[in-house]
């Protein structure tokens, strides 16, 4: 989780709707950390955006690898998976 040094962000205000349960959980976490609820929500949004940005970049990278032919064959992957847990377990197949 990204943590800033200040207790209050100097960002723009945004309205958010939370379920009553989630609102209570955010309030409890804010109290436990001695932080305002807005700080908890900001950290959660930062983490979510960072994760989704990474995820989309990884998908794009995988698509590019497939387009460039940098993939393992189905047969090689299947043989590798079938070997899991056996005395003759194979290493992961190389991407071409």
N, C-alpha and C. Protein backbone atom coordinates (compact mmCIF):
# COMPACT_ATOMS: atom_id res chain seq x y z
N UNK A 1 0.84 -1.17 0.00
CA UNK A 1 0.00 0.00 0.00
C UNK A 1 0.89 1.23 0.00
N UNK A 2 0.60 2.17 -0.87
CA UNK A 2 1.36 3.42 -0.90
C UNK A 2 0.98 4.25 0.32
N UNK A 3 1.94 4.80 0.97
CA UNK A 3 1.68 5.61 2.16
C UNK A 3 2.32 6.97 1.97
N UNK A 4 1.52 8.01 2.21
CA UNK A 4 2.06 9.36 2.11
C UNK A 4 2.41 9.86 3.50
N UNK A 5 3.25 10.89 3.56
CA UNK A 5 3.71 11.41 4.84
C UNK A 5 2.67 12.29 5.52
N UNK A 6 1.78 12.88 4.77
CA UNK A 6 0.81 13.79 5.36
C UNK A 6 -0.44 13.02 5.75
N UNK A 7 -1.15 13.56 6.75
CA UNK A 7 -2.39 12.90 7.17
C UNK A 7 -3.53 13.20 6.20
N UNK A 8 -3.48 14.32 5.53
CA UNK A 8 -4.54 14.68 4.60
C UNK A 8 -3.95 14.92 3.22
N UNK A 9 -4.59 14.37 2.22
CA UNK A 9 -4.17 14.57 0.84
C UNK A 9 -4.57 15.98 0.41
N UNK A 10 -3.82 16.51 -0.51
CA UNK A 10 -4.16 17.82 -1.06
C UNK A 10 -4.82 17.64 -2.43
N UNK A 11 -5.39 16.46 -2.66
CA UNK A 11 -6.03 16.15 -3.93
C UNK A 11 -7.42 16.76 -4.03
N UNK A 12 -8.05 16.52 -5.16
CA UNK A 12 -9.39 17.04 -5.41
C UNK A 12 -10.43 16.18 -4.70
N UNK A 13 -11.47 16.79 -4.18
CA UNK A 13 -12.53 16.00 -3.55
C UNK A 13 -13.34 15.25 -4.60
N UNK A 14 -13.73 14.03 -4.26
CA UNK A 14 -14.54 13.18 -5.12
C UNK A 14 -15.60 12.53 -4.25
N UNK A 15 -16.80 12.40 -4.79
CA UNK A 15 -17.88 11.75 -4.05
C UNK A 15 -17.87 10.25 -4.34
N UNK A 16 -18.08 9.44 -3.31
CA UNK A 16 -18.07 7.99 -3.44
C UNK A 16 -19.25 7.42 -2.67
N UNK A 17 -19.93 6.44 -3.24
CA UNK A 17 -21.01 5.75 -2.53
C UNK A 17 -20.49 4.41 -2.05
N UNK A 18 -20.67 4.13 -0.78
CA UNK A 18 -20.24 2.87 -0.18
C UNK A 18 -21.46 2.19 0.44
N UNK A 19 -21.43 0.87 0.46
CA UNK A 19 -22.47 0.15 1.18
C UNK A 19 -22.30 0.46 2.66
N UNK A 20 -23.36 0.34 3.44
CA UNK A 20 -23.21 0.60 4.88
C UNK A 20 -22.12 -0.26 5.52
N UNK A 21 -22.03 -1.52 5.12
CA UNK A 21 -21.02 -2.41 5.70
C UNK A 21 -19.62 -1.93 5.36
N UNK A 22 -19.39 -1.60 4.09
CA UNK A 22 -18.06 -1.14 3.68
C UNK A 22 -17.74 0.19 4.35
N UNK A 23 -18.72 1.05 4.48
CA UNK A 23 -18.51 2.33 5.16
C UNK A 23 -18.08 2.12 6.61
N UNK A 24 -18.72 1.16 7.28
CA UNK A 24 -18.33 0.84 8.67
C UNK A 24 -16.91 0.28 8.72
N UNK A 25 -16.58 -0.58 7.77
CA UNK A 25 -15.23 -1.17 7.74
C UNK A 25 -14.18 -0.09 7.50
N UNK A 26 -14.46 0.83 6.59
CA UNK A 26 -13.53 1.93 6.33
C UNK A 26 -13.39 2.79 7.58
N UNK A 27 -14.50 3.06 8.24
CA UNK A 27 -14.45 3.85 9.47
C UNK A 27 -13.65 3.17 10.56
N UNK A 28 -13.82 1.86 10.72
CA UNK A 28 -13.07 1.12 11.74
C UNK A 28 -11.59 1.12 11.42
N UNK A 29 -11.25 0.93 10.15
CA UNK A 29 -9.84 0.94 9.75
C UNK A 29 -9.23 2.32 9.96
N UNK A 30 -9.99 3.35 9.62
CA UNK A 30 -9.51 4.72 9.82
C UNK A 30 -9.24 4.99 11.30
N UNK A 31 -10.15 4.54 12.15
CA UNK A 31 -9.96 4.74 13.59
C UNK A 31 -8.75 3.98 14.09
N UNK A 32 -8.58 2.74 13.63
CA UNK A 32 -7.45 1.92 14.08
C UNK A 32 -6.11 2.51 13.65
N UNK A 33 -6.10 3.14 12.48
CA UNK A 33 -4.86 3.72 11.96
C UNK A 33 -4.70 5.20 12.29
N UNK A 34 -5.69 5.76 12.97
CA UNK A 34 -5.69 7.19 13.30
C UNK A 34 -5.53 8.03 12.04
N UNK A 35 -6.31 7.68 11.05
CA UNK A 35 -6.31 8.39 9.76
C UNK A 35 -7.75 8.74 9.41
N UNK A 36 -7.95 9.76 8.60
CA UNK A 36 -9.32 10.05 8.15
C UNK A 36 -9.79 9.01 7.13
N UNK A 37 -11.11 8.85 7.04
CA UNK A 37 -11.67 7.90 6.09
C UNK A 37 -11.23 8.23 4.67
N UNK A 38 -11.11 9.50 4.36
CA UNK A 38 -10.70 9.89 3.01
C UNK A 38 -9.31 9.36 2.68
N UNK A 39 -8.43 9.29 3.67
CA UNK A 39 -7.07 8.77 3.45
C UNK A 39 -7.14 7.28 3.14
N UNK A 40 -7.97 6.53 3.89
CA UNK A 40 -8.12 5.10 3.66
C UNK A 40 -8.64 4.85 2.24
N UNK A 41 -9.65 5.61 1.85
CA UNK A 41 -10.24 5.45 0.51
C UNK A 41 -9.22 5.81 -0.56
N UNK A 42 -8.47 6.89 -0.35
CA UNK A 42 -7.45 7.29 -1.33
C UNK A 42 -6.40 6.19 -1.50
N UNK A 43 -5.96 5.60 -0.40
CA UNK A 43 -4.97 4.52 -0.48
C UNK A 43 -5.54 3.32 -1.23
N UNK A 44 -6.79 2.99 -0.95
CA UNK A 44 -7.44 1.86 -1.62
C UNK A 44 -7.55 2.11 -3.12
N UNK A 45 -7.92 3.31 -3.51
CA UNK A 45 -8.04 3.64 -4.93
C UNK A 45 -6.66 3.62 -5.59
N UNK A 46 -5.64 4.17 -4.92
CA UNK A 46 -4.28 4.13 -5.48
C UNK A 46 -3.84 2.69 -5.71
N UNK A 47 -4.07 1.82 -4.74
CA UNK A 47 -3.68 0.42 -4.88
C UNK A 47 -4.44 -0.25 -6.02
N UNK A 48 -5.74 0.02 -6.11
CA UNK A 48 -6.56 -0.57 -7.16
C UNK A 48 -6.10 -0.12 -8.54
N UNK A 49 -5.86 1.17 -8.69
CA UNK A 49 -5.42 1.71 -9.98
C UNK A 49 -4.06 1.14 -10.36
N UNK A 50 -3.15 1.05 -9.41
CA UNK A 50 -1.82 0.48 -9.69
C UNK A 50 -1.95 -0.98 -10.13
N UNK A 51 -2.77 -1.76 -9.44
CA UNK A 51 -2.95 -3.17 -9.78
C UNK A 51 -3.57 -3.32 -11.17
N UNK A 52 -4.62 -2.56 -11.45
CA UNK A 52 -5.28 -2.68 -12.75
C UNK A 52 -4.37 -2.19 -13.88
N UNK A 53 -3.58 -1.16 -13.63
CA UNK A 53 -2.62 -0.67 -14.63
C UNK A 53 -1.60 -1.75 -14.94
N UNK A 54 -1.07 -2.41 -13.88
CA UNK A 54 -0.12 -3.50 -14.07
C UNK A 54 -0.78 -4.64 -14.84
N UNK A 55 -2.00 -4.99 -14.46
CA UNK A 55 -2.71 -6.10 -15.08
C UNK A 55 -2.92 -5.85 -16.58
N UNK A 56 -3.38 -4.67 -16.93
CA UNK A 56 -3.60 -4.35 -18.34
C UNK A 56 -2.29 -4.35 -19.12
N UNK A 57 -1.21 -3.85 -18.51
CA UNK A 57 0.10 -3.87 -19.18
C UNK A 57 0.56 -5.31 -19.40
N UNK A 58 0.34 -6.18 -18.42
CA UNK A 58 0.72 -7.59 -18.56
C UNK A 58 -0.08 -8.26 -19.67
N UNK A 59 -1.35 -7.94 -19.78
CA UNK A 59 -2.17 -8.48 -20.87
C UNK A 59 -1.64 -8.01 -22.21
N UNK A 60 -1.35 -6.71 -22.32
CA UNK A 60 -0.80 -6.17 -23.57
C UNK A 60 0.52 -6.83 -23.92
N UNK A 61 1.36 -7.06 -22.91
CA UNK A 61 2.65 -7.73 -23.13
C UNK A 61 2.43 -9.16 -23.63
N UNK A 62 1.47 -9.86 -23.06
CA UNK A 62 1.16 -11.21 -23.50
C UNK A 62 0.63 -11.25 -24.93
N UNK A 63 -0.21 -10.30 -25.27
CA UNK A 63 -0.73 -10.23 -26.64
C UNK A 63 0.40 -9.97 -27.62
N UNK A 64 1.29 -9.05 -27.28
CA UNK A 64 2.44 -8.74 -28.14
C UNK A 64 3.33 -9.97 -28.29
N UNK A 65 3.59 -10.69 -27.20
CA UNK A 65 4.41 -11.90 -27.26
C UNK A 65 3.77 -12.93 -28.19
N UNK A 66 2.45 -13.09 -28.09
CA UNK A 66 1.76 -14.05 -28.96
C UNK A 66 1.84 -13.61 -30.42
N UNK A 67 1.64 -12.32 -30.66
CA UNK A 67 1.73 -11.81 -32.04
C UNK A 67 3.13 -12.00 -32.62
N UNK A 68 4.15 -11.91 -31.76
CA UNK A 68 5.54 -12.08 -32.20
C UNK A 68 5.97 -13.54 -32.24
N UNK A 69 5.08 -14.45 -31.85
CA UNK A 69 5.40 -15.87 -31.87
C UNK A 69 6.19 -16.34 -30.67
N UNK A 70 6.28 -15.52 -29.62
CA UNK A 70 7.03 -15.91 -28.42
C UNK A 70 6.09 -16.66 -27.47
N UNK A 71 5.73 -17.87 -27.86
CA UNK A 71 4.82 -18.70 -27.07
C UNK A 71 5.33 -20.14 -27.05
N UNK A 72 4.89 -20.89 -26.07
CA UNK A 72 5.19 -22.32 -26.02
C UNK A 72 4.05 -23.06 -26.72
N UNK A 73 4.36 -24.19 -27.31
CA UNK A 73 3.33 -24.96 -28.01
C UNK A 73 2.37 -25.58 -26.99
N UNK A 74 1.17 -25.84 -27.44
CA UNK A 74 0.17 -26.48 -26.59
C UNK A 74 0.67 -27.84 -26.11
N UNK A 75 1.29 -28.57 -27.00
CA UNK A 75 1.79 -29.90 -26.66
C UNK A 75 2.85 -29.84 -25.57
N UNK A 76 3.77 -28.87 -25.68
CA UNK A 76 4.83 -28.73 -24.67
C UNK A 76 4.24 -28.36 -23.30
N UNK A 77 3.27 -27.45 -23.30
CA UNK A 77 2.65 -27.04 -22.03
C UNK A 77 1.86 -28.21 -21.44
N UNK A 78 1.13 -28.92 -22.28
CA UNK A 78 0.35 -30.06 -21.79
C UNK A 78 1.26 -31.13 -21.18
N UNK A 79 2.36 -31.44 -21.85
CA UNK A 79 3.30 -32.44 -21.33
C UNK A 79 3.91 -31.98 -20.01
N UNK A 80 4.19 -30.70 -19.91
CA UNK A 80 4.75 -30.13 -18.68
C UNK A 80 3.75 -30.27 -17.53
N UNK A 81 2.51 -29.87 -17.78
CA UNK A 81 1.48 -29.93 -16.73
C UNK A 81 1.22 -31.37 -16.31
N UNK A 82 1.18 -32.28 -17.25
CA UNK A 82 0.94 -33.69 -16.92
C UNK A 82 2.08 -34.27 -16.07
N UNK A 83 3.26 -33.66 -16.16
CA UNK A 83 4.40 -34.18 -15.40
C UNK A 83 4.43 -33.69 -13.96
N UNK A 84 3.59 -32.72 -13.63
CA UNK A 84 3.61 -32.15 -12.28
C UNK A 84 3.37 -33.25 -11.24
N UNK A 85 4.17 -33.22 -10.19
CA UNK A 85 4.01 -34.15 -9.09
C UNK A 85 4.56 -35.55 -9.36
N UNK A 86 5.08 -35.76 -10.55
CA UNK A 86 5.65 -37.08 -10.86
C UNK A 86 7.15 -37.05 -10.62
N UNK A 87 7.77 -38.21 -10.50
CA UNK A 87 9.23 -38.25 -10.32
C UNK A 87 9.97 -37.66 -11.53
N UNK A 88 9.30 -37.65 -12.68
CA UNK A 88 9.94 -37.13 -13.90
C UNK A 88 9.37 -35.75 -14.27
N UNK A 89 9.13 -34.92 -13.24
CA UNK A 89 8.56 -33.60 -13.50
C UNK A 89 9.47 -32.80 -14.42
N UNK A 90 8.86 -32.21 -15.43
CA UNK A 90 9.61 -31.46 -16.45
C UNK A 90 9.73 -29.99 -16.05
N UNK A 91 10.77 -29.32 -16.56
CA UNK A 91 10.86 -27.87 -16.37
C UNK A 91 9.83 -27.18 -17.27
N UNK A 92 9.50 -25.95 -16.94
CA UNK A 92 8.55 -25.20 -17.76
C UNK A 92 9.08 -25.09 -19.19
N UNK A 93 8.19 -25.20 -20.17
CA UNK A 93 8.65 -25.12 -21.56
C UNK A 93 9.16 -23.72 -21.89
N UNK A 94 10.09 -23.66 -22.81
CA UNK A 94 10.64 -22.39 -23.27
C UNK A 94 9.71 -21.78 -24.31
N UNK A 95 9.62 -20.48 -24.29
CA UNK A 95 8.83 -19.78 -25.30
C UNK A 95 9.73 -19.51 -26.50
N UNK A 96 9.17 -19.77 -27.69
CA UNK A 96 9.97 -19.62 -28.91
C UNK A 96 10.02 -18.29 -29.40
